[in-house]
Amino acid sequence: MGILSGNPQNEPMHYGEVFGVWTYLSGAKSLIAGYQTFINHAGDDDLRNFLQDSIQTKKQEITQVENLLKANGVGLPPAPPERPKADLESIPVGARFMDNEIATAVSRDISMGLVACSQIMGQSVREDIAAMFGQFHATKAQYGLRLLRIMKEKGWLVPPPLHMNAPELAYV
């Protein structure tokens, strides 16, 4: 039996785990405020519903991560205040985020979240932390697929140029 082979909750977190988990928590709290703002700007019902579901999922993640950090004596990052609800029509058209811009930004956030979860999983020594972020990763992958489908249905997806014909290579 090694020093880190017992109950994971009884093992200390190493500095990399603390930093990764704390940073993830800080980002998740900020994303909630951003998504609340996006809801105020979104005109599409499917996009608004997606954002609301994302916020609920992030709140559940935040609870789990805060409990982990508290149990390990780590101070929590501050959270931005909740955003008030606004009337879409009161936001001037030129100052409003467009639905396709919102979807693209959220798609980027999901991609970065997948990388963050993978990094935390890879550096974790504690199995419970790796498993928690594995769960978060799987959920993000599902949300990414859901958003991709919405973006395709709405015509918001702008793919990079398709590479149909590769040039022939000249051999010397």
N, C-alpha and C. Protein backbone atom coordinates (compact mmCIF):
# COMPACT_ATOMS: atom_id res chain seq x y z
N MET A 1 0.85 -1.18 0.00
CA MET A 1 0.00 0.00 0.00
C MET A 1 0.89 1.24 0.00
N GLY A 2 0.62 2.13 -0.94
CA GLY A 2 1.37 3.36 -1.03
C GLY A 2 0.73 4.44 -0.18
N ILE A 3 1.35 5.60 -0.17
CA ILE A 3 0.82 6.69 0.66
C ILE A 3 -0.47 7.27 0.09
N LEU A 4 -0.73 7.06 -1.18
CA LEU A 4 -1.95 7.61 -1.80
C LEU A 4 -2.86 6.47 -2.27
N SER A 5 -3.00 5.43 -1.48
CA SER A 5 -3.79 4.29 -1.92
C SER A 5 -5.03 4.05 -1.06
N GLY A 6 -5.36 4.96 -0.18
CA GLY A 6 -6.54 4.78 0.67
C GLY A 6 -7.74 5.50 0.08
N ASN A 7 -8.61 5.92 0.94
CA ASN A 7 -9.80 6.67 0.54
C ASN A 7 -9.35 8.02 -0.03
N PRO A 8 -9.73 8.34 -1.29
CA PRO A 8 -9.27 9.58 -1.89
C PRO A 8 -9.61 10.84 -1.09
N GLN A 9 -10.74 10.82 -0.40
CA GLN A 9 -11.12 12.00 0.39
C GLN A 9 -10.17 12.25 1.56
N ASN A 10 -9.42 11.22 1.95
CA ASN A 10 -8.46 11.38 3.04
C ASN A 10 -7.08 11.79 2.54
N GLU A 11 -6.90 11.83 1.23
CA GLU A 11 -5.61 12.21 0.65
C GLU A 11 -5.57 13.72 0.46
N PRO A 12 -4.42 14.32 0.63
CA PRO A 12 -4.32 15.76 0.37
C PRO A 12 -4.35 16.05 -1.13
N MET A 13 -4.84 17.22 -1.49
CA MET A 13 -4.74 17.67 -2.88
C MET A 13 -3.34 18.22 -3.09
N HIS A 14 -2.76 17.97 -4.25
CA HIS A 14 -1.46 18.59 -4.53
C HIS A 14 -1.69 19.95 -5.16
N TYR A 15 -0.64 20.74 -5.25
CA TYR A 15 -0.78 22.12 -5.70
C TYR A 15 -1.40 22.24 -7.09
N GLY A 16 -1.06 21.32 -7.98
CA GLY A 16 -1.64 21.34 -9.33
C GLY A 16 -3.14 21.12 -9.30
N GLU A 17 -3.57 20.18 -8.47
CA GLU A 17 -5.01 19.93 -8.34
C GLU A 17 -5.72 21.16 -7.77
N VAL A 18 -5.13 21.74 -6.74
CA VAL A 18 -5.74 22.93 -6.13
C VAL A 18 -5.86 24.04 -7.16
N PHE A 19 -4.77 24.32 -7.87
CA PHE A 19 -4.79 25.41 -8.84
C PHE A 19 -5.79 25.14 -9.95
N GLY A 20 -5.78 23.93 -10.50
CA GLY A 20 -6.68 23.59 -11.60
C GLY A 20 -8.14 23.66 -11.19
N VAL A 21 -8.46 23.10 -10.04
CA VAL A 21 -9.85 23.07 -9.57
C VAL A 21 -10.31 24.48 -9.21
N TRP A 22 -9.46 25.26 -8.53
CA TRP A 22 -9.81 26.63 -8.14
C TRP A 22 -10.03 27.48 -9.38
N THR A 23 -9.17 27.36 -10.37
CA THR A 23 -9.29 28.13 -11.61
C THR A 23 -10.55 27.73 -12.37
N TYR A 24 -10.84 26.44 -12.40
CA TYR A 24 -12.06 25.96 -13.05
C TYR A 24 -13.30 26.57 -12.40
N LEU A 25 -13.30 26.60 -11.07
CA LEU A 25 -14.42 27.16 -10.32
C LEU A 25 -14.59 28.65 -10.63
N SER A 26 -13.49 29.37 -10.65
CA SER A 26 -13.54 30.80 -10.96
C SER A 26 -14.14 31.03 -12.35
N GLY A 27 -13.70 30.24 -13.31
CA GLY A 27 -14.23 30.37 -14.67
C GLY A 27 -15.70 30.01 -14.76
N ALA A 28 -16.11 28.96 -14.07
CA ALA A 28 -17.52 28.55 -14.11
C ALA A 28 -18.43 29.64 -13.55
N LYS A 29 -17.98 30.27 -12.47
CA LYS A 29 -18.78 31.36 -11.88
C LYS A 29 -18.90 32.53 -12.86
N SER A 30 -17.83 32.84 -13.55
CA SER A 30 -17.86 33.93 -14.52
C SER A 30 -18.76 33.59 -15.71
N LEU A 31 -18.72 32.33 -16.14
CA LEU A 31 -19.55 31.94 -17.27
C LEU A 31 -21.04 32.08 -16.96
N ILE A 32 -21.42 31.82 -15.74
CA ILE A 32 -22.83 31.98 -15.38
C ILE A 32 -23.27 33.42 -15.60
N ALA A 33 -22.47 34.36 -15.14
CA ALA A 33 -22.82 35.78 -15.34
C ALA A 33 -22.88 36.11 -16.83
N GLY A 34 -21.93 35.59 -17.58
CA GLY A 34 -21.93 35.84 -19.02
C GLY A 34 -23.13 35.24 -19.71
N TYR A 35 -23.51 34.02 -19.34
CA TYR A 35 -24.65 33.36 -19.97
C TYR A 35 -25.97 34.04 -19.57
N GLN A 36 -26.04 34.57 -18.36
CA GLN A 36 -27.23 35.35 -17.98
C GLN A 36 -27.36 36.58 -18.87
N THR A 37 -26.25 37.21 -19.17
CA THR A 37 -26.26 38.35 -20.09
C THR A 37 -26.67 37.90 -21.48
N PHE A 38 -26.12 36.77 -21.94
CA PHE A 38 -26.47 36.25 -23.26
C PHE A 38 -27.97 35.96 -23.35
N ILE A 39 -28.57 35.45 -22.28
CA ILE A 39 -30.01 35.18 -22.30
C ILE A 39 -30.78 36.46 -22.57
N ASN A 40 -30.33 37.56 -21.98
CA ASN A 40 -30.99 38.85 -22.22
C ASN A 40 -30.90 39.28 -23.68
N HIS A 41 -29.86 38.85 -24.37
CA HIS A 41 -29.64 39.24 -25.76
C HIS A 41 -30.21 38.25 -26.76
N ALA A 42 -30.42 37.01 -26.36
CA ALA A 42 -30.84 35.96 -27.29
C ALA A 42 -32.30 36.13 -27.70
N GLY A 43 -32.53 36.00 -28.99
CA GLY A 43 -33.89 36.07 -29.50
C GLY A 43 -34.47 34.70 -29.79
N ASP A 44 -33.61 33.71 -29.95
CA ASP A 44 -34.04 32.37 -30.31
C ASP A 44 -34.39 31.56 -29.07
N ASP A 45 -35.57 30.94 -29.07
CA ASP A 45 -36.03 30.16 -27.91
C ASP A 45 -35.13 28.95 -27.63
N ASP A 46 -34.70 28.24 -28.68
CA ASP A 46 -33.83 27.07 -28.48
C ASP A 46 -32.51 27.49 -27.84
N LEU A 47 -31.97 28.61 -28.27
CA LEU A 47 -30.71 29.10 -27.71
C LEU A 47 -30.90 29.52 -26.25
N ARG A 48 -32.00 30.21 -25.97
CA ARG A 48 -32.26 30.61 -24.57
C ARG A 48 -32.41 29.39 -23.67
N ASN A 49 -33.14 28.39 -24.13
CA ASN A 49 -33.30 27.16 -23.35
C ASN A 49 -31.97 26.47 -23.13
N PHE A 50 -31.13 26.44 -24.16
CA PHE A 50 -29.80 25.84 -24.04
C PHE A 50 -28.99 26.58 -22.99
N LEU A 51 -29.01 27.90 -23.03
CA LEU A 51 -28.26 28.71 -22.07
C LEU A 51 -28.77 28.48 -20.64
N GLN A 52 -30.08 28.40 -20.48
CA GLN A 52 -30.64 28.16 -19.14
C GLN A 52 -30.23 26.79 -18.62
N ASP A 53 -30.26 25.78 -19.49
CA ASP A 53 -29.80 24.44 -19.09
C ASP A 53 -28.32 24.46 -18.72
N SER A 54 -27.53 25.19 -19.50
CA SER A 54 -26.09 25.29 -19.23
C SER A 54 -25.84 25.93 -17.87
N ILE A 55 -26.59 26.96 -17.56
CA ILE A 55 -26.44 27.63 -16.26
C ILE A 55 -26.77 26.67 -15.13
N GLN A 56 -27.85 25.93 -15.26
CA GLN A 56 -28.23 24.97 -14.21
C GLN A 56 -27.14 23.92 -14.02
N THR A 57 -26.58 23.42 -15.11
CA THR A 57 -25.51 22.43 -15.03
C THR A 57 -24.28 23.03 -14.37
N LYS A 58 -23.93 24.25 -14.74
CA LYS A 58 -22.77 24.92 -14.13
C LYS A 58 -22.98 25.13 -12.64
N LYS A 59 -24.18 25.47 -12.22
CA LYS A 59 -24.46 25.65 -10.80
C LYS A 59 -24.25 24.34 -10.03
N GLN A 60 -24.65 23.22 -10.64
CA GLN A 60 -24.43 21.92 -10.01
C GLN A 60 -22.94 21.61 -9.91
N GLU A 61 -22.19 21.91 -10.98
CA GLU A 61 -20.75 21.70 -10.95
C GLU A 61 -20.11 22.57 -9.86
N ILE A 62 -20.54 23.82 -9.79
CA ILE A 62 -19.98 24.75 -8.80
C ILE A 62 -20.18 24.21 -7.39
N THR A 63 -21.35 23.69 -7.11
CA THR A 63 -21.63 23.12 -5.78
C THR A 63 -20.66 21.99 -5.47
N GLN A 64 -20.45 21.07 -6.43
CA GLN A 64 -19.54 19.95 -6.21
C GLN A 64 -18.11 20.44 -5.99
N VAL A 65 -17.67 21.38 -6.81
CA VAL A 65 -16.29 21.85 -6.71
C VAL A 65 -16.08 22.66 -5.43
N GLU A 66 -17.05 23.48 -5.07
CA GLU A 66 -16.93 24.24 -3.82
C GLU A 66 -16.85 23.29 -2.62
N ASN A 67 -17.65 22.25 -2.62
CA ASN A 67 -17.60 21.28 -1.52
C ASN A 67 -16.22 20.62 -1.43
N LEU A 68 -15.65 20.28 -2.58
CA LEU A 68 -14.32 19.68 -2.61
C LEU A 68 -13.28 20.64 -2.03
N LEU A 69 -13.29 21.89 -2.49
CA LEU A 69 -12.30 22.85 -2.02
C LEU A 69 -12.48 23.17 -0.54
N LYS A 70 -13.72 23.32 -0.09
CA LYS A 70 -13.96 23.59 1.33
C LYS A 70 -13.46 22.44 2.19
N ALA A 71 -13.73 21.22 1.75
CA ALA A 71 -13.30 20.04 2.52
C ALA A 71 -11.78 19.96 2.63
N ASN A 72 -11.09 20.62 1.71
CA ASN A 72 -9.63 20.60 1.70
C ASN A 72 -9.03 21.91 2.18
N GLY A 73 -9.86 22.77 2.76
CA GLY A 73 -9.37 24.01 3.36
C GLY A 73 -8.88 25.05 2.37
N VAL A 74 -9.41 25.02 1.16
CA VAL A 74 -9.00 25.97 0.12
C VAL A 74 -10.06 27.08 0.04
N GLY A 75 -9.60 28.33 0.07
CA GLY A 75 -10.51 29.45 -0.08
C GLY A 75 -11.15 29.48 -1.46
N LEU A 76 -12.35 29.99 -1.53
CA LEU A 76 -13.10 30.00 -2.79
C LEU A 76 -12.92 31.32 -3.53
N PRO A 77 -12.93 31.28 -4.87
CA PRO A 77 -12.83 32.52 -5.63
C PRO A 77 -14.15 33.29 -5.54
N PRO A 78 -14.08 34.61 -5.72
CA PRO A 78 -15.32 35.39 -5.68
C PRO A 78 -16.19 35.09 -6.91
N ALA A 79 -17.47 35.34 -6.74
CA ALA A 79 -18.41 35.16 -7.85
C ALA A 79 -18.95 36.52 -8.27
N PRO A 80 -19.08 36.75 -9.57
CA PRO A 80 -19.72 38.00 -9.99
C PRO A 80 -21.19 37.99 -9.60
N PRO A 81 -21.79 39.15 -9.47
CA PRO A 81 -23.21 39.18 -9.10
C PRO A 81 -24.10 38.61 -10.21
N GLU A 82 -25.27 38.12 -9.79
CA GLU A 82 -26.26 37.64 -10.76
C GLU A 82 -26.65 38.80 -11.66
N ARG A 83 -26.90 38.51 -12.91
CA ARG A 83 -27.29 39.55 -13.86
C ARG A 83 -28.82 39.70 -13.84
N PRO A 84 -29.31 40.93 -13.87
CA PRO A 84 -30.76 41.11 -13.90
C PRO A 84 -31.32 40.74 -15.28
N LYS A 85 -32.59 40.42 -15.31
CA LYS A 85 -33.25 40.14 -16.58
C LYS A 85 -33.51 41.46 -17.28
N ALA A 86 -33.37 41.44 -18.59
CA ALA A 86 -33.60 42.65 -19.39
C ALA A 86 -34.53 42.30 -20.54
N ASP A 87 -35.22 43.29 -21.02
CA ASP A 87 -36.09 43.13 -22.17
C ASP A 87 -35.26 43.22 -23.44
N LEU A 88 -35.33 42.20 -24.27
CA LEU A 88 -34.55 42.15 -25.50
C LEU A 88 -34.78 43.39 -26.36
N GLU A 89 -36.01 43.84 -26.43
CA GLU A 89 -36.35 44.98 -27.28
C GLU A 89 -35.77 46.30 -26.77
N SER A 90 -35.39 46.33 -25.49
CA SER A 90 -34.81 47.57 -24.94
C SER A 90 -33.31 47.69 -25.23
N ILE A 91 -32.71 46.62 -25.76
CA ILE A 91 -31.29 46.65 -26.12
C ILE A 91 -31.20 47.09 -27.57
N PRO A 92 -30.50 48.18 -27.84
CA PRO A 92 -30.39 48.65 -29.24
C PRO A 92 -29.77 47.58 -30.13
N VAL A 93 -30.26 47.48 -31.35
CA VAL A 93 -29.83 46.43 -32.27
C VAL A 93 -28.31 46.43 -32.44
N GLY A 94 -27.69 47.56 -32.59
CA GLY A 94 -26.25 47.62 -32.78
C GLY A 94 -25.45 47.24 -31.55
N ALA A 95 -26.08 47.27 -30.39
CA ALA A 95 -25.39 46.95 -29.13
C ALA A 95 -25.70 45.53 -28.66
N ARG A 96 -26.50 44.83 -29.42
CA ARG A 96 -26.97 43.51 -29.01
C ARG A 96 -26.09 42.42 -29.61
N PHE A 97 -25.83 41.38 -28.80
CA PHE A 97 -25.18 40.19 -29.33
C PHE A 97 -26.19 39.48 -30.22
N MET A 98 -25.78 39.05 -31.38
CA MET A 98 -26.65 38.30 -32.28
C MET A 98 -26.63 36.83 -31.85
N ASP A 99 -27.70 36.11 -32.17
CA ASP A 99 -27.81 34.72 -31.75
C ASP A 99 -26.64 33.86 -32.23
N ASN A 100 -26.23 34.05 -33.49
CA ASN A 100 -25.10 33.25 -33.99
C ASN A 100 -23.81 33.59 -33.28
N GLU A 101 -23.63 34.84 -32.85
CA GLU A 101 -22.44 35.22 -32.08
C GLU A 101 -22.45 34.57 -30.70
N ILE A 102 -23.62 34.54 -30.09
CA ILE A 102 -23.76 33.91 -28.78
C ILE A 102 -23.44 32.42 -28.89
N ALA A 103 -24.03 31.76 -29.89
CA ALA A 103 -23.81 30.32 -30.06
C ALA A 103 -22.33 30.02 -30.31
N THR A 104 -21.68 30.84 -31.10
CA THR A 104 -20.26 30.62 -31.39
C THR A 104 -19.42 30.82 -30.13
N ALA A 105 -19.73 31.84 -29.35
CA ALA A 105 -18.99 32.09 -28.10
C ALA A 105 -19.19 30.94 -27.11
N VAL A 106 -20.40 30.43 -27.00
CA VAL A 106 -20.67 29.33 -26.08
C VAL A 106 -19.98 28.06 -26.57
N SER A 107 -19.95 27.86 -27.88
CA SER A 107 -19.25 26.71 -28.45
C SER A 107 -17.76 26.77 -28.10
N ARG A 108 -17.19 27.96 -28.17
CA ARG A 108 -15.79 28.16 -27.78
C ARG A 108 -15.61 27.83 -26.29
N ASP A 109 -16.54 28.30 -25.46
CA ASP A 109 -16.47 28.03 -24.02
C ASP A 109 -16.50 26.53 -23.74
N ILE A 110 -17.36 25.81 -24.46
CA ILE A 110 -17.45 24.36 -24.27
C ILE A 110 -16.12 23.71 -24.65
N SER A 111 -15.55 24.13 -25.76
CA SER A 111 -14.26 23.57 -26.18
C SER A 111 -13.18 23.81 -25.14
N MET A 112 -13.12 25.03 -24.63
CA MET A 112 -12.12 25.34 -23.61
C MET A 112 -12.40 24.58 -22.32
N GLY A 113 -13.67 24.36 -21.99
CA GLY A 113 -14.02 23.58 -20.81
C GLY A 113 -13.60 22.13 -20.94
N LEU A 114 -13.73 21.57 -22.15
CA LEU A 114 -13.27 20.20 -22.38
C LEU A 114 -11.77 20.08 -22.14
N VAL A 115 -11.02 21.06 -22.63
CA VAL A 115 -9.57 21.05 -22.43
C VAL A 115 -9.23 21.19 -20.95
N ALA A 116 -9.92 22.10 -20.25
CA ALA A 116 -9.67 22.30 -18.82
C ALA A 116 -9.95 21.02 -18.03
N CYS A 117 -11.07 20.37 -18.33
CA CYS A 117 -11.40 19.13 -17.63
C CYS A 117 -10.36 18.05 -17.91
N SER A 118 -9.94 17.95 -19.17
CA SER A 118 -8.92 16.96 -19.53
C SER A 118 -7.62 17.22 -18.79
N GLN A 119 -7.24 18.48 -18.69
CA GLN A 119 -6.00 18.82 -18.01
C GLN A 119 -6.07 18.46 -16.52
N ILE A 120 -7.18 18.79 -15.89
CA ILE A 120 -7.33 18.46 -14.47
C ILE A 120 -7.34 16.95 -14.27
N MET A 121 -8.03 16.23 -15.15
CA MET A 121 -8.05 14.78 -15.06
C MET A 121 -6.63 14.21 -15.19
N GLY A 122 -5.87 14.76 -16.13
CA GLY A 122 -4.53 14.25 -16.39
C GLY A 122 -3.54 14.52 -15.28
N GLN A 123 -3.72 15.61 -14.57
CA GLN A 123 -2.76 15.95 -13.51
C GLN A 123 -3.21 15.44 -12.14
N SER A 124 -4.43 14.92 -12.06
CA SER A 124 -4.94 14.48 -10.76
C SER A 124 -4.29 13.20 -10.30
N VAL A 125 -3.97 13.20 -9.01
CA VAL A 125 -3.51 12.00 -8.33
C VAL A 125 -4.69 11.37 -7.60
N ARG A 126 -5.56 12.22 -7.12
CA ARG A 126 -6.75 11.74 -6.41
C ARG A 126 -7.79 11.26 -7.42
N GLU A 127 -8.21 10.04 -7.24
CA GLU A 127 -9.16 9.42 -8.16
C GLU A 127 -10.52 10.10 -8.14
N ASP A 128 -10.95 10.60 -6.98
CA ASP A 128 -12.26 11.24 -6.90
C ASP A 128 -12.28 12.54 -7.72
N ILE A 129 -11.17 13.26 -7.74
CA ILE A 129 -11.10 14.50 -8.52
C ILE A 129 -11.09 14.17 -10.01
N ALA A 130 -10.29 13.18 -10.39
CA ALA A 130 -10.26 12.77 -11.80
C ALA A 130 -11.64 12.30 -12.26
N ALA A 131 -12.33 11.55 -11.42
CA ALA A 131 -13.66 11.06 -11.78
C ALA A 131 -14.67 12.21 -11.90
N MET A 132 -14.59 13.17 -10.97
CA MET A 132 -15.50 14.31 -11.02
C MET A 132 -15.33 15.08 -12.32
N PHE A 133 -14.10 15.34 -12.69
CA PHE A 133 -13.86 16.10 -13.91
C PHE A 133 -14.09 15.25 -15.16
N GLY A 134 -13.99 13.94 -15.04
CA GLY A 134 -14.40 13.07 -16.14
C GLY A 134 -15.89 13.18 -16.39
N GLN A 135 -16.65 13.27 -15.31
CA GLN A 135 -18.10 13.45 -15.41
C GLN A 135 -18.41 14.81 -16.06
N PHE A 136 -17.73 15.86 -15.61
CA PHE A 136 -17.93 17.19 -16.19
C PHE A 136 -17.59 17.17 -17.69
N HIS A 137 -16.51 16.47 -18.03
CA HIS A 137 -16.07 16.38 -19.43
C HIS A 137 -17.14 15.72 -20.29
N ALA A 138 -17.69 14.62 -19.81
CA ALA A 138 -18.73 13.92 -20.57
C ALA A 138 -19.96 14.80 -20.77
N THR A 139 -20.34 15.53 -19.74
CA THR A 139 -21.49 16.43 -19.84
C THR A 139 -21.21 17.53 -20.85
N LYS A 140 -20.01 18.10 -20.83
CA LYS A 140 -19.65 19.15 -21.79
C LYS A 140 -19.68 18.61 -23.22
N ALA A 141 -19.21 17.39 -23.41
CA ALA A 141 -19.24 16.80 -24.75
C ALA A 141 -20.68 16.68 -25.24
N GLN A 142 -21.60 16.29 -24.36
CA GLN A 142 -23.01 16.20 -24.74
C GLN A 142 -23.58 17.58 -25.07
N TYR A 143 -23.23 18.58 -24.27
CA TYR A 143 -23.68 19.94 -24.55
C TYR A 143 -23.10 20.45 -25.87
N GLY A 144 -21.85 20.10 -26.14
CA GLY A 144 -21.24 20.52 -27.40
C GLY A 144 -21.97 19.96 -28.60
N LEU A 145 -22.35 18.69 -28.52
CA LEU A 145 -23.11 18.07 -29.61
C LEU A 145 -24.49 18.71 -29.74
N ARG A 146 -25.13 18.96 -28.63
CA ARG A 146 -26.45 19.61 -28.65
C ARG A 146 -26.37 20.99 -29.30
N LEU A 147 -25.36 21.76 -28.93
CA LEU A 147 -25.22 23.10 -29.51
C LEU A 147 -24.85 23.02 -30.99
N LEU A 148 -24.02 22.06 -31.37
CA LEU A 148 -23.67 21.88 -32.78
C LEU A 148 -24.93 21.64 -33.61
N ARG A 149 -25.82 20.81 -33.10
CA ARG A 149 -27.07 20.53 -33.82
C ARG A 149 -27.93 21.79 -33.94
N ILE A 150 -28.00 22.57 -32.86
CA ILE A 150 -28.77 23.82 -32.91
C ILE A 150 -28.16 24.75 -33.95
N MET A 151 -26.84 24.88 -33.93
CA MET A 151 -26.17 25.79 -34.86
C MET A 151 -26.37 25.36 -36.31
N LYS A 152 -26.37 24.05 -36.57
CA LYS A 152 -26.62 23.56 -37.93
C LYS A 152 -28.07 23.84 -38.35
N GLU A 153 -29.02 23.55 -37.45
CA GLU A 153 -30.43 23.76 -37.76
C GLU A 153 -30.75 25.22 -38.06
N LYS A 154 -30.10 26.12 -37.34
CA LYS A 154 -30.39 27.55 -37.47
C LYS A 154 -29.55 28.22 -38.57
N GLY A 155 -28.60 27.49 -39.13
CA GLY A 155 -27.73 28.07 -40.15
C GLY A 155 -26.65 28.98 -39.57
N TRP A 156 -26.31 28.78 -38.31
CA TRP A 156 -25.31 29.63 -37.65
C TRP A 156 -23.90 29.08 -37.76
N LEU A 157 -23.75 27.84 -38.15
CA LEU A 157 -22.44 27.22 -38.20
C LEU A 157 -21.69 27.71 -39.44
N VAL A 158 -20.52 28.25 -39.22
CA VAL A 158 -19.67 28.69 -40.33
C VAL A 158 -18.44 27.79 -40.32
N PRO A 159 -18.45 26.76 -41.19
CA PRO A 159 -17.30 25.85 -41.19
C PRO A 159 -16.10 26.50 -41.88
N PRO A 160 -14.91 26.02 -41.57
CA PRO A 160 -13.75 26.51 -42.30
C PRO A 160 -13.84 26.02 -43.74
N PRO A 161 -13.04 26.59 -44.63
CA PRO A 161 -13.09 26.14 -46.03
C PRO A 161 -12.84 24.64 -46.11
N LEU A 162 -13.62 23.98 -46.96
CA LEU A 162 -13.46 22.54 -47.12
C LEU A 162 -12.33 22.27 -48.09
N HIS A 163 -11.48 21.35 -47.74
CA HIS A 163 -10.34 21.01 -48.56
C HIS A 163 -10.69 19.77 -49.36
N MET A 164 -11.09 19.99 -50.61
CA MET A 164 -11.58 18.88 -51.43
C MET A 164 -10.47 18.18 -52.21
N ASN A 165 -9.55 18.93 -52.75
CA ASN A 165 -8.50 18.36 -53.59
C ASN A 165 -7.14 18.72 -53.06
N ALA A 166 -6.39 17.73 -52.69
CA ALA A 166 -5.03 17.96 -52.23
C ALA A 166 -4.14 18.12 -53.44
N PRO A 167 -3.21 19.07 -53.44
CA PRO A 167 -2.31 19.21 -54.58
C PRO A 167 -1.40 17.98 -54.68
N GLU A 168 -1.04 17.68 -55.90
CA GLU A 168 -0.14 16.53 -56.09
C GLU A 168 1.25 16.93 -55.64
N LEU A 169 1.89 16.01 -54.97
CA LEU A 169 3.23 16.27 -54.48
C LEU A 169 4.25 15.99 -55.56
N ALA A 170 5.18 16.88 -55.71
CA ALA A 170 6.26 16.67 -56.67
C ALA A 170 7.39 15.94 -55.97
N TYR A 171 7.79 14.82 -56.52
CA TYR A 171 8.88 14.04 -55.95
C TYR A 171 10.16 14.36 -56.70
N VAL A 172 11.18 14.60 -55.96
CA VAL A 172 12.48 14.94 -56.57
C VAL A 172 13.29 13.70 -56.77
